[in-house]
Amino acid sequence: MRWIVTAHTVAIFAQPVFAGRYMIGDYDMLALHTLGADLVTYFGLAQVVLSAVLWRRAGTRWPFWASLLLFLGESGQYFAGVAGELDLHFPLGVALAMYASIMLVGIWRTAAEQPRGQR
């Protein structure tokens, strides 16, 4: 779970880099931004599934609900980007990056607090 949340957060933070490069004229970066959006979606879905397994095995509920909320926000982000709704796409992207960062810290902190045999 820790590693998928980490990979997911890294993918989210790569997105504004690709978008920024595209916006300054490196038009090939739009393809990477699109690929990145797909990767963020796949990581988000994997995170929801793994957090459901974590809930089932360890009884820890908050990662599931937090992951589901993040995934739903990313879905809105994805469709806003496809529709060209940049007035929603940009601020939602910032909010999602912050939310993913907070979740990353929470997951690593939760894992550090568990005894070694329960990780």
N, C-alpha and C. Protein backbone atom coordinates (compact mmCIF):
# COMPACT_ATOMS: atom_id res chain seq x y z
N MET A 1 0.83 -1.20 0.00
CA MET A 1 0.00 0.00 0.00
C MET A 1 0.87 1.26 0.00
N ARG A 2 1.93 1.23 0.83
CA ARG A 2 2.79 2.42 0.89
C ARG A 2 3.39 2.73 -0.47
N TRP A 3 3.78 1.69 -1.21
CA TRP A 3 4.48 1.92 -2.48
C TRP A 3 3.53 2.38 -3.57
N ILE A 4 2.30 1.89 -3.57
CA ILE A 4 1.36 2.36 -4.60
C ILE A 4 0.97 3.81 -4.32
N VAL A 5 0.82 4.17 -3.06
CA VAL A 5 0.51 5.57 -2.72
C VAL A 5 1.68 6.47 -3.12
N THR A 6 2.89 6.00 -2.91
CA THR A 6 4.07 6.78 -3.29
C THR A 6 4.15 6.96 -4.81
N ALA A 7 3.98 5.86 -5.55
CA ALA A 7 4.02 5.94 -7.02
C ALA A 7 2.90 6.83 -7.54
N HIS A 8 1.75 6.73 -6.94
CA HIS A 8 0.59 7.53 -7.33
C HIS A 8 0.90 9.03 -7.14
N THR A 9 1.47 9.35 -5.99
CA THR A 9 1.79 10.75 -5.71
C THR A 9 2.85 11.28 -6.66
N VAL A 10 3.85 10.49 -6.95
CA VAL A 10 4.89 10.90 -7.92
C VAL A 10 4.26 11.16 -9.28
N ALA A 11 3.36 10.27 -9.71
CA ALA A 11 2.69 10.45 -11.01
C ALA A 11 1.86 11.74 -11.02
N ILE A 12 1.20 12.02 -9.90
CA ILE A 12 0.41 13.25 -9.82
C ILE A 12 1.31 14.48 -9.93
N PHE A 13 2.46 14.45 -9.27
CA PHE A 13 3.36 15.60 -9.32
C PHE A 13 4.07 15.75 -10.65
N ALA A 14 4.14 14.70 -11.45
CA ALA A 14 4.74 14.81 -12.78
C ALA A 14 3.81 15.53 -13.75
N GLN A 15 2.53 15.46 -13.51
CA GLN A 15 1.56 16.04 -14.43
C GLN A 15 1.74 17.54 -14.69
N PRO A 16 1.91 18.37 -13.66
CA PRO A 16 2.10 19.79 -13.97
C PRO A 16 3.42 20.09 -14.69
N VAL A 17 4.40 19.22 -14.51
CA VAL A 17 5.66 19.39 -15.25
C VAL A 17 5.40 19.21 -16.74
N PHE A 18 4.71 18.13 -17.10
CA PHE A 18 4.39 17.88 -18.51
C PHE A 18 3.50 18.98 -19.07
N ALA A 19 2.51 19.41 -18.30
CA ALA A 19 1.60 20.46 -18.76
C ALA A 19 2.34 21.78 -18.93
N GLY A 20 3.21 22.09 -18.00
CA GLY A 20 3.98 23.33 -18.09
C GLY A 20 4.89 23.36 -19.30
N ARG A 21 5.53 22.25 -19.56
CA ARG A 21 6.40 22.17 -20.76
C ARG A 21 5.57 22.35 -22.03
N TYR A 22 4.38 21.75 -22.05
CA TYR A 22 3.49 21.90 -23.19
C TYR A 22 3.10 23.37 -23.37
N MET A 23 2.79 24.03 -22.26
CA MET A 23 2.31 25.40 -22.34
C MET A 23 3.38 26.40 -22.77
N ILE A 24 4.66 26.01 -22.63
CA ILE A 24 5.71 26.93 -23.11
C ILE A 24 6.18 26.58 -24.52
N GLY A 25 5.46 25.67 -25.17
CA GLY A 25 5.74 25.42 -26.57
C GLY A 25 6.31 24.07 -26.92
N ASP A 26 6.56 23.21 -25.94
CA ASP A 26 7.05 21.86 -26.22
C ASP A 26 5.83 20.96 -26.41
N TYR A 27 5.27 20.99 -27.61
CA TYR A 27 3.98 20.38 -27.88
C TYR A 27 3.98 18.85 -27.77
N ASP A 28 5.14 18.23 -27.81
CA ASP A 28 5.20 16.79 -27.61
C ASP A 28 4.84 16.39 -26.17
N MET A 29 4.94 17.33 -25.26
CA MET A 29 4.64 17.04 -23.85
C MET A 29 3.15 16.78 -23.61
N LEU A 30 2.29 17.20 -24.53
CA LEU A 30 0.87 16.91 -24.37
C LEU A 30 0.63 15.41 -24.38
N ALA A 31 1.37 14.69 -25.21
CA ALA A 31 1.23 13.22 -25.23
C ALA A 31 1.67 12.62 -23.90
N LEU A 32 2.74 13.16 -23.31
CA LEU A 32 3.18 12.66 -21.99
C LEU A 32 2.17 13.03 -20.90
N HIS A 33 1.58 14.21 -21.01
CA HIS A 33 0.57 14.62 -20.04
C HIS A 33 -0.65 13.69 -20.12
N THR A 34 -1.02 13.31 -21.34
CA THR A 34 -2.14 12.39 -21.54
C THR A 34 -1.80 11.01 -20.99
N LEU A 35 -0.59 10.52 -21.27
CA LEU A 35 -0.15 9.24 -20.72
C LEU A 35 -0.10 9.31 -19.20
N GLY A 36 0.38 10.42 -18.66
CA GLY A 36 0.44 10.61 -17.22
C GLY A 36 -0.96 10.57 -16.60
N ALA A 37 -1.93 11.16 -17.28
CA ALA A 37 -3.31 11.13 -16.78
C ALA A 37 -3.83 9.70 -16.70
N ASP A 38 -3.49 8.92 -17.71
CA ASP A 38 -3.88 7.51 -17.68
C ASP A 38 -3.20 6.77 -16.53
N LEU A 39 -1.91 7.03 -16.33
CA LEU A 39 -1.18 6.37 -15.24
C LEU A 39 -1.74 6.77 -13.88
N VAL A 40 -2.03 8.04 -13.71
CA VAL A 40 -2.62 8.50 -12.44
C VAL A 40 -3.94 7.77 -12.20
N THR A 41 -4.74 7.61 -13.24
CA THR A 41 -6.02 6.91 -13.11
C THR A 41 -5.80 5.45 -12.72
N TYR A 42 -4.85 4.77 -13.37
CA TYR A 42 -4.58 3.36 -13.04
C TYR A 42 -4.04 3.22 -11.62
N PHE A 43 -3.12 4.10 -11.25
CA PHE A 43 -2.61 4.06 -9.86
C PHE A 43 -3.73 4.33 -8.87
N GLY A 44 -4.61 5.28 -9.21
CA GLY A 44 -5.73 5.59 -8.32
C GLY A 44 -6.65 4.41 -8.12
N LEU A 45 -6.96 3.72 -9.20
CA LEU A 45 -7.81 2.54 -9.10
C LEU A 45 -7.12 1.43 -8.30
N ALA A 46 -5.84 1.21 -8.55
CA ALA A 46 -5.09 0.21 -7.80
C ALA A 46 -5.05 0.57 -6.32
N GLN A 47 -4.92 1.85 -6.03
CA GLN A 47 -4.88 2.30 -4.64
C GLN A 47 -6.21 2.03 -3.94
N VAL A 48 -7.32 2.25 -4.64
CA VAL A 48 -8.63 1.97 -4.05
C VAL A 48 -8.77 0.48 -3.76
N VAL A 49 -8.36 -0.36 -4.70
CA VAL A 49 -8.45 -1.81 -4.51
C VAL A 49 -7.57 -2.26 -3.35
N LEU A 50 -6.32 -1.80 -3.31
CA LEU A 50 -5.42 -2.20 -2.23
C LEU A 50 -5.89 -1.69 -0.87
N SER A 51 -6.47 -0.51 -0.86
CA SER A 51 -6.96 0.01 0.42
C SER A 51 -8.18 -0.77 0.89
N ALA A 52 -8.97 -1.31 -0.03
CA ALA A 52 -10.09 -2.17 0.35
C ALA A 52 -9.56 -3.47 0.96
N VAL A 53 -8.49 -4.00 0.38
CA VAL A 53 -7.85 -5.20 0.94
C VAL A 53 -7.29 -4.90 2.33
N LEU A 54 -6.66 -3.74 2.48
CA LEU A 54 -6.13 -3.34 3.78
C LEU A 54 -7.25 -3.23 4.81
N TRP A 55 -8.36 -2.66 4.42
CA TRP A 55 -9.51 -2.54 5.31
C TRP A 55 -9.98 -3.93 5.74
N ARG A 56 -10.07 -4.84 4.78
CA ARG A 56 -10.55 -6.19 5.06
C ARG A 56 -9.59 -6.95 5.98
N ARG A 57 -8.29 -6.80 5.73
CA ARG A 57 -7.30 -7.56 6.50
C ARG A 57 -6.96 -6.94 7.84
N ALA A 58 -6.80 -5.64 7.87
CA ALA A 58 -6.30 -4.98 9.08
C ALA A 58 -7.36 -4.14 9.79
N GLY A 59 -8.50 -3.94 9.15
CA GLY A 59 -9.55 -3.15 9.78
C GLY A 59 -9.34 -1.65 9.71
N THR A 60 -8.35 -1.21 8.93
CA THR A 60 -8.05 0.22 8.80
C THR A 60 -8.91 0.78 7.66
N ARG A 61 -9.87 1.63 8.02
CA ARG A 61 -10.84 2.13 7.04
C ARG A 61 -10.43 3.40 6.33
N TRP A 62 -9.73 4.29 7.01
CA TRP A 62 -9.51 5.62 6.44
C TRP A 62 -8.78 5.60 5.09
N PRO A 63 -7.82 4.68 4.84
CA PRO A 63 -7.18 4.71 3.52
C PRO A 63 -8.15 4.42 2.37
N PHE A 64 -9.14 3.56 2.63
CA PHE A 64 -10.11 3.26 1.58
C PHE A 64 -10.91 4.51 1.23
N TRP A 65 -11.48 5.16 2.23
CA TRP A 65 -12.32 6.33 1.97
C TRP A 65 -11.51 7.48 1.39
N ALA A 66 -10.28 7.65 1.88
CA ALA A 66 -9.41 8.71 1.34
C ALA A 66 -9.02 8.41 -0.11
N SER A 67 -8.72 7.14 -0.39
CA SER A 67 -8.36 6.74 -1.76
C SER A 67 -9.54 6.89 -2.71
N LEU A 68 -10.72 6.52 -2.25
CA LEU A 68 -11.91 6.65 -3.08
C LEU A 68 -12.19 8.12 -3.40
N LEU A 69 -12.07 8.97 -2.41
CA LEU A 69 -12.28 10.41 -2.64
C LEU A 69 -11.24 10.95 -3.63
N LEU A 70 -9.99 10.55 -3.47
CA LEU A 70 -8.94 10.97 -4.40
C LEU A 70 -9.24 10.49 -5.81
N PHE A 71 -9.64 9.24 -5.94
CA PHE A 71 -9.95 8.68 -7.26
C PHE A 71 -11.12 9.42 -7.91
N LEU A 72 -12.14 9.73 -7.14
CA LEU A 72 -13.27 10.47 -7.69
C LEU A 72 -12.86 11.87 -8.14
N GLY A 73 -12.01 12.52 -7.34
CA GLY A 73 -11.49 13.83 -7.74
C GLY A 73 -10.65 13.75 -9.00
N GLU A 74 -9.85 12.70 -9.10
CA GLU A 74 -9.03 12.51 -10.31
C GLU A 74 -9.89 12.23 -11.54
N SER A 75 -10.99 11.54 -11.33
CA SER A 75 -11.90 11.29 -12.45
C SER A 75 -12.47 12.61 -12.96
N GLY A 76 -12.87 13.46 -12.03
CA GLY A 76 -13.35 14.79 -12.43
C GLY A 76 -12.26 15.59 -13.11
N GLN A 77 -11.05 15.48 -12.61
CA GLN A 77 -9.89 16.16 -13.19
C GLN A 77 -9.65 15.68 -14.62
N TYR A 78 -9.72 14.38 -14.81
CA TYR A 78 -9.49 13.78 -16.13
C TYR A 78 -10.51 14.32 -17.14
N PHE A 79 -11.78 14.28 -16.77
CA PHE A 79 -12.82 14.71 -17.70
C PHE A 79 -12.81 16.22 -17.91
N ALA A 80 -12.42 16.99 -16.91
CA ALA A 80 -12.28 18.44 -17.10
C ALA A 80 -11.16 18.74 -18.08
N GLY A 81 -10.07 17.97 -18.00
CA GLY A 81 -8.96 18.16 -18.94
C GLY A 81 -9.35 17.80 -20.36
N VAL A 82 -10.03 16.67 -20.53
CA VAL A 82 -10.48 16.24 -21.86
C VAL A 82 -11.43 17.27 -22.47
N ALA A 83 -12.28 17.85 -21.62
CA ALA A 83 -13.25 18.84 -22.10
C ALA A 83 -12.63 20.22 -22.30
N GLY A 84 -11.38 20.40 -21.88
CA GLY A 84 -10.72 21.69 -22.03
C GLY A 84 -11.17 22.72 -21.01
N GLU A 85 -11.75 22.28 -19.92
CA GLU A 85 -12.22 23.17 -18.86
C GLU A 85 -11.06 23.51 -17.92
N LEU A 86 -10.15 24.34 -18.41
CA LEU A 86 -8.93 24.63 -17.66
C LEU A 86 -9.20 25.42 -16.39
N ASP A 87 -10.31 26.17 -16.35
CA ASP A 87 -10.64 26.90 -15.13
C ASP A 87 -10.98 25.96 -13.97
N LEU A 88 -11.36 24.74 -14.25
CA LEU A 88 -11.56 23.72 -13.24
C LEU A 88 -10.33 22.79 -13.14
N HIS A 89 -9.75 22.48 -14.28
CA HIS A 89 -8.64 21.53 -14.37
C HIS A 89 -7.43 21.97 -13.55
N PHE A 90 -7.03 23.23 -13.64
CA PHE A 90 -5.85 23.71 -12.93
C PHE A 90 -6.02 23.71 -11.41
N PRO A 91 -7.04 24.39 -10.87
CA PRO A 91 -7.15 24.39 -9.41
C PRO A 91 -7.45 23.01 -8.82
N LEU A 92 -8.19 22.19 -9.52
CA LEU A 92 -8.45 20.84 -9.03
C LEU A 92 -7.16 20.03 -9.00
N GLY A 93 -6.30 20.24 -9.99
CA GLY A 93 -5.00 19.57 -9.99
C GLY A 93 -4.15 19.95 -8.79
N VAL A 94 -4.16 21.21 -8.44
CA VAL A 94 -3.42 21.67 -7.25
C VAL A 94 -3.99 21.02 -6.00
N ALA A 95 -5.31 21.02 -5.88
CA ALA A 95 -5.95 20.41 -4.70
C ALA A 95 -5.64 18.92 -4.61
N LEU A 96 -5.67 18.23 -5.74
CA LEU A 96 -5.39 16.79 -5.74
C LEU A 96 -3.94 16.50 -5.37
N ALA A 97 -3.03 17.33 -5.82
CA ALA A 97 -1.62 17.13 -5.47
C ALA A 97 -1.43 17.32 -3.96
N MET A 98 -2.07 18.31 -3.39
CA MET A 98 -1.97 18.52 -1.95
C MET A 98 -2.61 17.36 -1.18
N TYR A 99 -3.77 16.92 -1.62
CA TYR A 99 -4.47 15.82 -0.97
C TYR A 99 -3.64 14.54 -1.04
N ALA A 100 -3.06 14.27 -2.20
CA ALA A 100 -2.22 13.07 -2.34
C ALA A 100 -0.99 13.16 -1.43
N SER A 101 -0.42 14.34 -1.29
CA SER A 101 0.74 14.53 -0.41
C SER A 101 0.38 14.25 1.05
N ILE A 102 -0.77 14.74 1.47
CA ILE A 102 -1.23 14.50 2.84
C ILE A 102 -1.48 13.02 3.06
N MET A 103 -2.08 12.37 2.07
CA MET A 103 -2.34 10.94 2.18
C MET A 103 -1.04 10.15 2.21
N LEU A 104 -0.07 10.57 1.43
CA LEU A 104 1.24 9.90 1.43
C LEU A 104 1.86 9.92 2.82
N VAL A 105 1.86 11.08 3.44
CA VAL A 105 2.40 11.20 4.80
C VAL A 105 1.61 10.33 5.77
N GLY A 106 0.29 10.34 5.65
CA GLY A 106 -0.54 9.55 6.54
C GLY A 106 -0.31 8.06 6.41
N ILE A 107 -0.15 7.59 5.18
CA ILE A 107 0.08 6.15 4.96
C ILE A 107 1.43 5.74 5.52
N TRP A 108 2.46 6.52 5.26
CA TRP A 108 3.79 6.17 5.78
C TRP A 108 3.82 6.27 7.30
N ARG A 109 3.13 7.24 7.85
CA ARG A 109 3.10 7.39 9.31
C ARG A 109 2.33 6.22 9.94
N THR A 110 1.21 5.83 9.35
CA THR A 110 0.43 4.70 9.85
C THR A 110 1.26 3.43 9.80
N ALA A 111 1.98 3.23 8.72
CA ALA A 111 2.81 2.02 8.58
C ALA A 111 3.95 2.02 9.60
N ALA A 112 4.49 3.19 9.90
CA ALA A 112 5.59 3.28 10.86
C ALA A 112 5.12 3.00 12.28
N GLU A 113 3.85 3.27 12.57
CA GLU A 113 3.32 3.06 13.91
C GLU A 113 2.94 1.62 14.18
N GLN A 114 2.77 0.81 13.11
CA GLN A 114 2.39 -0.59 13.31
C GLN A 114 3.60 -1.42 13.69
N PRO A 115 3.39 -2.43 14.54
CA PRO A 115 4.49 -3.35 14.83
C PRO A 115 4.93 -4.06 13.55
N ARG A 116 6.19 -4.42 13.48
CA ARG A 116 6.78 -4.98 12.28
C ARG A 116 6.01 -6.20 11.75
N GLY A 117 5.51 -7.04 12.60
CA GLY A 117 4.80 -8.23 12.17
C GLY A 117 3.46 -7.96 11.51
N GLN A 118 2.91 -6.75 11.68
CA GLN A 118 1.59 -6.43 11.12
C GLN A 118 1.68 -5.61 9.84
N ARG A 119 2.83 -5.33 9.33
CA ARG A 119 2.95 -4.51 8.11
C ARG A 119 2.67 -5.30 6.89
